[in-house]
Amino acid sequence: MVDGETTSTARVDSGVPQGTIMRQLLFLLFINDLPEQVSPGTVTRPFADDCRVYWVINSADDQVILQRDLTALVNWAKA
């Protein structure tokens, strides 16, 4: 409602209603096994409806590990 006016309603057949706790809960359930897909030193930080994945790069080997983990996550997401 803006200045006392409302828009018409629309039917939504998919998704989770905005403003509910369900969105975050379903996200966490969906990515619950994500940390198992990466190397032990790779950090995963889920938050609300997003996830950060990182590894501190100190050598070329670290770069290879992070790339391998990112590739594993792409494959996980496709599955």
PDB file of N, CA and C in Angstrom:
ATOM      1  N   MET A   1       0.844  -1.158   0.000  1.00  0.00           N
ATOM      2  CA  MET A   1       0.000   0.000   0.000  1.00  0.00           C
ATOM      3  C   MET A   1       0.898   1.232   0.000  1.00  0.00           C
ATOM      4  N   VAL A   2       0.644   2.121  -0.935  1.00  0.00           N
ATOM      5  CA  VAL A   2       1.365   3.384  -1.027  1.00  0.00           C
ATOM      6  C   VAL A   2       0.327   4.489  -1.158  1.00  0.00           C
ATOM      7  N   ASP A   3       0.387   5.449  -0.258  1.00  0.00           N
ATOM      8  CA  ASP A   3      -0.576   6.562  -0.257  1.00  0.00           C
ATOM      9  C   ASP A   3      -2.018   6.061  -0.295  1.00  0.00           C
ATOM     10  N   GLY A   4      -2.296   4.975   0.423  1.00  0.00           N
ATOM     11  CA  GLY A   4      -3.653   4.450   0.485  1.00  0.00           C
ATOM     12  C   GLY A   4      -4.083   3.631  -0.707  1.00  0.00           C
ATOM     13  N   GLU A   5      -3.232   3.474  -1.696  1.00  0.00           N
ATOM     14  CA  GLU A   5      -3.560   2.706  -2.905  1.00  0.00           C
ATOM     15  C   GLU A   5      -2.895   1.338  -2.857  1.00  0.00           C
ATOM     16  N   THR A   6      -3.603   0.337  -3.331  1.00  0.00           N
ATOM     17  CA  THR A   6      -3.032  -1.001  -3.433  1.00  0.00           C
ATOM     18  C   THR A   6      -3.055  -1.465  -4.879  1.00  0.00           C
ATOM     19  N   THR A   7      -2.205  -2.428  -5.172  1.00  0.00           N
ATOM     20  CA  THR A   7      -2.202  -2.999  -6.514  1.00  0.00           C
ATOM     21  C   THR A   7      -3.104  -4.219  -6.530  1.00  0.00           C
ATOM     22  N   SER A   8      -3.395  -4.721  -7.698  1.00  0.00           N
ATOM     23  CA  SER A   8      -4.226  -5.919  -7.792  1.00  0.00           C
ATOM     24  C   SER A   8      -3.414  -7.133  -7.363  1.00  0.00           C
ATOM     25  N   THR A   9      -4.098  -8.166  -6.931  1.00  0.00           N
ATOM     26  CA  THR A   9      -3.414  -9.386  -6.523  1.00  0.00           C
ATOM     27  C   THR A   9      -3.100 -10.243  -7.738  1.00  0.00           C
ATOM     28  N   ALA A  10      -2.108 -11.121  -7.576  1.00  0.00           N
ATOM     29  CA  ALA A  10      -1.722 -12.029  -8.647  1.00  0.00           C
ATOM     30  C   ALA A  10      -1.490 -13.408  -8.051  1.00  0.00           C
ATOM     31  N   ARG A  11      -1.889 -14.432  -8.755  1.00  0.00           N
ATOM     32  CA  ARG A  11      -1.696 -15.803  -8.304  1.00  0.00           C
ATOM     33  C   ARG A  11      -0.227 -16.196  -8.502  1.00  0.00           C
ATOM     34  N   VAL A  12       0.362 -16.791  -7.476  1.00  0.00           N
ATOM     35  CA  VAL A  12       1.744 -17.270  -7.540  1.00  0.00           C
ATOM     36  C   VAL A  12       1.715 -18.755  -7.249  1.00  0.00           C
ATOM     37  N   ASP A  13       2.173 -19.553  -8.209  1.00  0.00           N
ATOM     38  CA  ASP A  13       2.102 -21.010  -8.078  1.00  0.00           C
ATOM     39  C   ASP A  13       3.390 -21.656  -7.587  1.00  0.00           C
ATOM     40  N   SER A  14       4.418 -20.885  -7.364  1.00  0.00           N
ATOM     41  CA  SER A  14       5.680 -21.478  -6.926  1.00  0.00           C
ATOM     42  C   SER A  14       6.412 -20.512  -6.012  1.00  0.00           C
ATOM     43  N   GLY A  15       7.472 -21.021  -5.397  1.00  0.00           N
ATOM     44  CA  GLY A  15       8.278 -20.177  -4.531  1.00  0.00           C
ATOM     45  C   GLY A  15       7.767 -20.174  -3.098  1.00  0.00           C
ATOM     46  N   VAL A  16       8.410 -19.356  -2.280  1.00  0.00           N
ATOM     47  CA  VAL A  16       8.078 -19.230  -0.866  1.00  0.00           C
ATOM     48  C   VAL A  16       7.632 -17.799  -0.633  1.00  0.00           C
ATOM     49  N   PRO A  17       6.552 -17.591   0.104  1.00  0.00           N
ATOM     50  CA  PRO A  17       6.093 -16.222   0.341  1.00  0.00           C
ATOM     51  C   PRO A  17       7.184 -15.351   0.968  1.00  0.00           C
ATOM     52  N   GLN A  18       7.292 -14.130   0.502  1.00  0.00           N
ATOM     53  CA  GLN A  18       8.273 -13.193   1.041  1.00  0.00           C
ATOM     54  C   GLN A  18       7.914 -12.851   2.477  1.00  0.00           C
ATOM     55  N   GLY A  19       8.922 -12.592   3.285  1.00  0.00           N
ATOM     56  CA  GLY A  19       8.693 -12.194   4.661  1.00  0.00           C
ATOM     57  C   GLY A  19       8.441 -13.353   5.606  1.00  0.00           C
ATOM     58  N   THR A  20       8.638 -14.577   5.147  1.00  0.00           N
ATOM     59  CA  THR A  20       8.437 -15.724   6.026  1.00  0.00           C
ATOM     60  C   THR A  20       9.775 -16.339   6.385  1.00  0.00           C
ATOM     61  N   ILE A  21       9.792 -17.088   7.448  1.00  0.00           N
ATOM     62  CA  ILE A  21      11.002 -17.790   7.858  1.00  0.00           C
ATOM     63  C   ILE A  21      11.260 -19.013   6.979  1.00  0.00           C
ATOM     64  N   MET A  22      10.240 -19.443   6.228  1.00  0.00           N
ATOM     65  CA  MET A  22      10.368 -20.648   5.406  1.00  0.00           C
ATOM     66  C   MET A  22      11.474 -20.534   4.367  1.00  0.00           C
ATOM     67  N   ARG A  23      11.661 -19.356   3.790  1.00  0.00           N
ATOM     68  CA  ARG A  23      12.681 -19.203   2.747  1.00  0.00           C
ATOM     69  C   ARG A  23      14.049 -19.579   3.294  1.00  0.00           C
ATOM     70  N   GLN A  24      14.402 -19.030   4.448  1.00  0.00           N
ATOM     71  CA  GLN A  24      15.709 -19.324   5.037  1.00  0.00           C
ATOM     72  C   GLN A  24      15.809 -20.784   5.471  1.00  0.00           C
ATOM     73  N   LEU A  25      14.727 -21.316   6.035  1.00  0.00           N
ATOM     74  CA  LEU A  25      14.740 -22.696   6.483  1.00  0.00           C
ATOM     75  C   LEU A  25      14.910 -23.647   5.302  1.00  0.00           C
ATOM     76  N   LEU A  26      14.164 -23.435   4.243  1.00  0.00           N
ATOM     77  CA  LEU A  26      14.285 -24.295   3.065  1.00  0.00           C
ATOM     78  C   LEU A  26      15.673 -24.174   2.436  1.00  0.00           C
ATOM     79  N   PHE A  27      16.237 -22.959   2.415  1.00  0.00           N
ATOM     80  CA  PHE A  27      17.582 -22.774   1.882  1.00  0.00           C
ATOM     81  C   PHE A  27      18.583 -23.595   2.690  1.00  0.00           C
ATOM     82  N   LEU A  28      18.503 -23.501   4.017  1.00  0.00           N
ATOM     83  CA  LEU A  28      19.451 -24.231   4.860  1.00  0.00           C
ATOM     84  C   LEU A  28      19.289 -25.741   4.706  1.00  0.00           C
ATOM     85  N   LEU A  29      18.070 -26.206   4.558  1.00  0.00           N
ATOM     86  CA  LEU A  29      17.857 -27.636   4.328  1.00  0.00           C
ATOM     87  C   LEU A  29      18.432 -28.068   2.979  1.00  0.00           C
ATOM     88  N   PHE A  30      18.276 -27.206   1.979  1.00  0.00           N
ATOM     89  CA  PHE A  30      18.758 -27.527   0.637  1.00  0.00           C
ATOM     90  C   PHE A  30      20.277 -27.604   0.587  1.00  0.00           C
ATOM     91  N   ILE A  31      20.963 -26.693   1.290  1.00  0.00           N
ATOM     92  CA  ILE A  31      22.429 -26.673   1.213  1.00  0.00           C
ATOM     93  C   ILE A  31      23.094 -27.352   2.395  1.00  0.00           C
ATOM     94  N   ASN A  32      22.336 -28.115   3.167  1.00  0.00           N
ATOM     95  CA  ASN A  32      22.857 -28.747   4.367  1.00  0.00           C
ATOM     96  C   ASN A  32      24.120 -29.569   4.101  1.00  0.00           C
ATOM     97  N   ASP A  33      24.211 -30.211   2.950  1.00  0.00           N
ATOM     98  CA  ASP A  33      25.378 -31.046   2.651  1.00  0.00           C
ATOM     99  C   ASP A  33      26.457 -30.308   1.860  1.00  0.00           C
ATOM    100  N   LEU A  34      26.300 -29.024   1.613  1.00  0.00           N
ATOM    101  CA  LEU A  34      27.287 -28.265   0.838  1.00  0.00           C
ATOM    102  C   LEU A  34      28.692 -28.327   1.449  1.00  0.00           C
ATOM    103  N   PRO A  35      28.878 -28.149   2.775  1.00  0.00           N
ATOM    104  CA  PRO A  35      30.245 -28.207   3.322  1.00  0.00           C
ATOM    105  C   PRO A  35      30.956 -29.533   3.073  1.00  0.00           C
ATOM    106  N   GLU A  36      30.194 -30.610   2.887  1.00  0.00           N
ATOM    107  CA  GLU A  36      30.799 -31.913   2.621  1.00  0.00           C
ATOM    108  C   GLU A  36      31.388 -32.003   1.211  1.00  0.00           C
ATOM    109  N   GLN A  37      31.066 -31.060   0.352  1.00  0.00           N
ATOM    110  CA  GLN A  37      31.508 -31.094  -1.040  1.00  0.00           C
ATOM    111  C   GLN A  37      32.876 -30.457  -1.246  1.00  0.00           C
ATOM    112  N   VAL A  38      33.386 -29.758  -0.234  1.00  0.00           N
ATOM    113  CA  VAL A  38      34.638 -29.014  -0.388  1.00  0.00           C
ATOM    114  C   VAL A  38      35.722 -29.594   0.517  1.00  0.00           C
ATOM    115  N   SER A  39      36.960 -29.190   0.261  1.00  0.00           N
ATOM    116  CA  SER A  39      38.110 -29.646   1.037  1.00  0.00           C
ATOM    117  C   SER A  39      38.001 -29.175   2.483  1.00  0.00           C
ATOM    118  N   PRO A  40      38.643 -29.895   3.416  1.00  0.00           N
ATOM    119  CA  PRO A  40      38.546 -29.523   4.829  1.00  0.00           C
ATOM    120  C   PRO A  40      38.953 -28.077   5.145  1.00  0.00           C
ATOM    121  N   GLY A  41      39.887 -27.505   4.431  1.00  0.00           N
ATOM    122  CA  GLY A  41      40.319 -26.138   4.722  1.00  0.00           C
ATOM    123  C   GLY A  41      39.475 -25.043   4.077  1.00  0.00           C
ATOM    124  N   THR A  42      38.566 -25.421   3.200  1.00  0.00           N
ATOM    125  CA  THR A  42      37.721 -24.446   2.523  1.00  0.00           C
ATOM    126  C   THR A  42      36.599 -24.031   3.461  1.00  0.00           C
ATOM    127  N   VAL A  43      36.417 -22.728   3.617  1.00  0.00           N
ATOM    128  CA  VAL A  43      35.421 -22.192   4.545  1.00  0.00           C
ATOM    129  C   VAL A  43      34.106 -21.974   3.809  1.00  0.00           C
ATOM    130  N   THR A  44      33.013 -22.443   4.397  1.00  0.00           N
ATOM    131  CA  THR A  44      31.671 -22.173   3.861  1.00  0.00           C
ATOM    132  C   THR A  44      30.903 -21.415   4.936  1.00  0.00           C
ATOM    133  N   ARG A  45      30.250 -20.319   4.529  1.00  0.00           N
ATOM    134  CA  ARG A  45      29.481 -19.496   5.449  1.00  0.00           C
ATOM    135  C   ARG A  45      28.077 -19.253   4.889  1.00  0.00           C
ATOM    136  N   PRO A  46      27.113 -20.117   5.236  1.00  0.00           N
ATOM    137  CA  PRO A  46      25.741 -19.861   4.786  1.00  0.00           C
ATOM    138  C   PRO A  46      25.127 -18.715   5.580  1.00  0.00           C
ATOM    139  N   PHE A  47      24.342 -17.890   4.916  1.00  0.00           N
ATOM    140  CA  PHE A  47      23.680 -16.771   5.580  1.00  0.00           C
ATOM    141  C   PHE A  47      22.373 -16.476   4.864  1.00  0.00           C
ATOM    142  N   ALA A  48      21.284 -16.530   5.604  1.00  0.00           N
ATOM    143  CA  ALA A  48      19.953 -16.235   5.064  1.00  0.00           C
ATOM    144  C   ALA A  48      19.714 -17.071   3.813  1.00  0.00           C
ATOM    145  N   ASP A  49      19.786 -16.467   2.629  1.00  0.00           N
ATOM    146  CA  ASP A  49      19.554 -17.228   1.399  1.00  0.00           C
ATOM    147  C   ASP A  49      20.757 -17.131   0.466  1.00  0.00           C
ATOM    148  N   ASP A  50      21.953 -17.158   1.053  1.00  0.00           N
ATOM    149  CA  ASP A  50      23.185 -17.037   0.289  1.00  0.00           C
ATOM    150  C   ASP A  50      24.245 -17.888   0.981  1.00  0.00           C
ATOM    151  N   CYS A  51      25.362 -18.101   0.324  1.00  0.00           N
ATOM    152  CA  CYS A  51      26.466 -18.833   0.933  1.00  0.00           C
ATOM    153  C   CYS A  51      27.785 -18.313   0.377  1.00  0.00           C
ATOM    154  N   ARG A  52      28.716 -18.084   1.264  1.00  0.00           N
ATOM    155  CA  ARG A  52      30.053 -17.641   0.861  1.00  0.00           C
ATOM    156  C   ARG A  52      30.996 -18.828   1.003  1.00  0.00           C
ATOM    157  N   VAL A  53      31.845 -19.028   0.016  1.00  0.00           N
ATOM    158  CA  VAL A  53      32.836 -20.096   0.034  1.00  0.00           C
ATOM    159  C   VAL A  53      34.182 -19.459  -0.265  1.00  0.00           C
ATOM    160  N   TYR A  54      35.162 -19.721   0.610  1.00  0.00           N
ATOM    161  CA  TYR A  54      36.475 -19.128   0.338  1.00  0.00           C
ATOM    162  C   TYR A  54      37.609 -19.946   0.935  1.00  0.00           C
ATOM    163  N   TRP A  55      38.783 -19.643   0.423  1.00  0.00           N
ATOM    164  CA  TRP A  55      40.031 -20.284   0.831  1.00  0.00           C
ATOM    165  C   TRP A  55      41.106 -19.223   0.710  1.00  0.00           C
ATOM    166  N   VAL A  56      41.946 -19.086   1.713  1.00  0.00           N
ATOM    167  CA  VAL A  56      43.041 -18.114   1.654  1.00  0.00           C
ATOM    168  C   VAL A  56      44.117 -18.674   0.719  1.00  0.00           C
ATOM    169  N   ILE A  57      44.461 -17.885  -0.292  1.00  0.00           N
ATOM    170  CA  ILE A  57      45.431 -18.336  -1.294  1.00  0.00           C
ATOM    171  C   ILE A  57      46.827 -17.863  -0.900  1.00  0.00           C
ATOM    172  N   ASN A  58      47.680 -18.815  -0.545  1.00  0.00           N
ATOM    173  CA  ASN A  58      49.070 -18.514  -0.200  1.00  0.00           C
ATOM    174  C   ASN A  58      50.051 -19.136  -1.177  1.00  0.00           C
ATOM    175  N   SER A  59      49.541 -20.014  -2.031  1.00  0.00           N
ATOM    176  CA  SER A  59      50.426 -20.697  -2.981  1.00  0.00           C
ATOM    177  C   SER A  59      49.611 -21.152  -4.184  1.00  0.00           C
ATOM    178  N   ALA A  60      50.336 -21.647  -5.186  1.00  0.00           N
ATOM    179  CA  ALA A  60      49.660 -22.170  -6.377  1.00  0.00           C
ATOM    180  C   ALA A  60      48.823 -23.397  -6.023  1.00  0.00           C
ATOM    181  N   ASP A  61      49.282 -24.171  -5.044  1.00  0.00           N
ATOM    182  CA  ASP A  61      48.503 -25.339  -4.613  1.00  0.00           C
ATOM    183  C   ASP A  61      47.156 -24.924  -4.030  1.00  0.00           C
ATOM    184  N   ASP A  62      47.140 -23.818  -3.277  1.00  0.00           N
ATOM    185  CA  ASP A  62      45.879 -23.313  -2.720  1.00  0.00           C
ATOM    186  C   ASP A  62      44.905 -22.934  -3.824  1.00  0.00           C
ATOM    187  N   GLN A  63      45.430 -22.365  -4.882  1.00  0.00           N
ATOM    188  CA  GLN A  63      44.585 -21.985  -6.015  1.00  0.00           C
ATOM    189  C   GLN A  63      43.963 -23.226  -6.659  1.00  0.00           C
ATOM    190  N   VAL A  64      44.746 -24.267  -6.784  1.00  0.00           N
ATOM    191  CA  VAL A  64      44.260 -25.520  -7.370  1.00  0.00           C
ATOM    192  C   VAL A  64      43.165 -26.125  -6.489  1.00  0.00           C
ATOM    193  N   ILE A  65      43.372 -26.097  -5.168  1.00  0.00           N
ATOM    194  CA  ILE A  65      42.382 -26.650  -4.237  1.00  0.00           C
ATOM    195  C   ILE A  65      41.069 -25.881  -4.342  1.00  0.00           C
ATOM    196  N   LEU A  66      41.148 -24.557  -4.344  1.00  0.00           N
ATOM    197  CA  LEU A  66      39.929 -23.755  -4.434  1.00  0.00           C
ATOM    198  C   LEU A  66      39.203 -24.014  -5.752  1.00  0.00           C
ATOM    199  N   GLN A  67      39.937 -24.093  -6.843  1.00  0.00           N
ATOM    200  CA  GLN A  67      39.300 -24.362  -8.129  1.00  0.00           C
ATOM    201  C   GLN A  67      38.633 -25.734  -8.137  1.00  0.00           C
ATOM    202  N   ARG A  68      39.295 -26.725  -7.550  1.00  0.00           N
ATOM    203  CA  ARG A  68      38.704 -28.062  -7.470  1.00  0.00           C
ATOM    204  C   ARG A  68      37.408 -28.022  -6.649  1.00  0.00           C
ATOM    205  N   ASP A  69      37.429 -27.262  -5.546  1.00  0.00           N
ATOM    206  CA  ASP A  69      36.227 -27.131  -4.718  1.00  0.00           C
ATOM    207  C   ASP A  69      35.109 -26.411  -5.463  1.00  0.00           C
ATOM    208  N   LEU A  70      35.434 -25.367  -6.194  1.00  0.00           N
ATOM    209  CA  LEU A  70      34.417 -24.644  -6.964  1.00  0.00           C
ATOM    210  C   LEU A  70      33.809 -25.540  -8.036  1.00  0.00           C
ATOM    211  N   THR A  71      34.634 -26.325  -8.686  1.00  0.00           N
ATOM    212  CA  THR A  71      34.140 -27.275  -9.675  1.00  0.00           C
ATOM    213  C   THR A  71      33.230 -28.308  -9.027  1.00  0.00           C
ATOM    214  N   ALA A  72      33.609 -28.797  -7.851  1.00  0.00           N
ATOM    215  CA  ALA A  72      32.765 -29.751  -7.129  1.00  0.00           C
ATOM    216  C   ALA A  72      31.430 -29.134  -6.766  1.00  0.00           C
ATOM    217  N   LEU A  73      31.420 -27.848  -6.398  1.00  0.00           N
ATOM    218  CA  LEU A  73      30.175 -27.174  -6.047  1.00  0.00           C
ATOM    219  C   LEU A  73      29.284 -26.966  -7.273  1.00  0.00           C
ATOM    220  N   VAL A  74      29.891 -26.704  -8.413  1.00  0.00           N
ATOM    221  CA  VAL A  74      29.108 -26.587  -9.652  1.00  0.00           C
ATOM    222  C   VAL A  74      28.422 -27.925  -9.950  1.00  0.00           C
ATOM    223  N   ASN A  75      29.168 -29.004  -9.817  1.00  0.00           N
ATOM    224  CA  ASN A  75      28.602 -30.324 -10.066  1.00  0.00           C
ATOM    225  C   ASN A  75      27.507 -30.658  -9.046  1.00  0.00           C
ATOM    226  N   TRP A  76      27.725 -30.280  -7.783  1.00  0.00           N
ATOM    227  CA  TRP A  76      26.717 -30.476  -6.741  1.00  0.00           C
ATOM    228  C   TRP A  76      25.445 -29.719  -7.068  1.00  0.00           C
ATOM    229  N   ALA A  77      25.591 -28.467  -7.506  1.00  0.00           N
ATOM    230  CA  ALA A  77      24.427 -27.637  -7.831  1.00  0.00           C
ATOM    231  C   ALA A  77      23.656 -28.218  -9.034  1.00  0.00           C
ATOM    232  N   LYS A  78      24.371 -28.746 -10.010  1.00  0.00           N
ATOM    233  CA  LYS A  78      23.717 -29.334 -11.177  1.00  0.00           C
ATOM    234  C   LYS A  78      22.953 -30.601 -10.791  1.00  0.00           C
ATOM    235  N   ALA A  79      23.524 -31.360  -9.854  1.00  0.00           N
ATOM    236  CA  ALA A  79      22.867 -32.615  -9.424  1.00  0.00           C
ATOM    237  C   ALA A  79      21.627 -32.300  -8.614  1.00  0.00           C
TER     238      ALA A  79
END
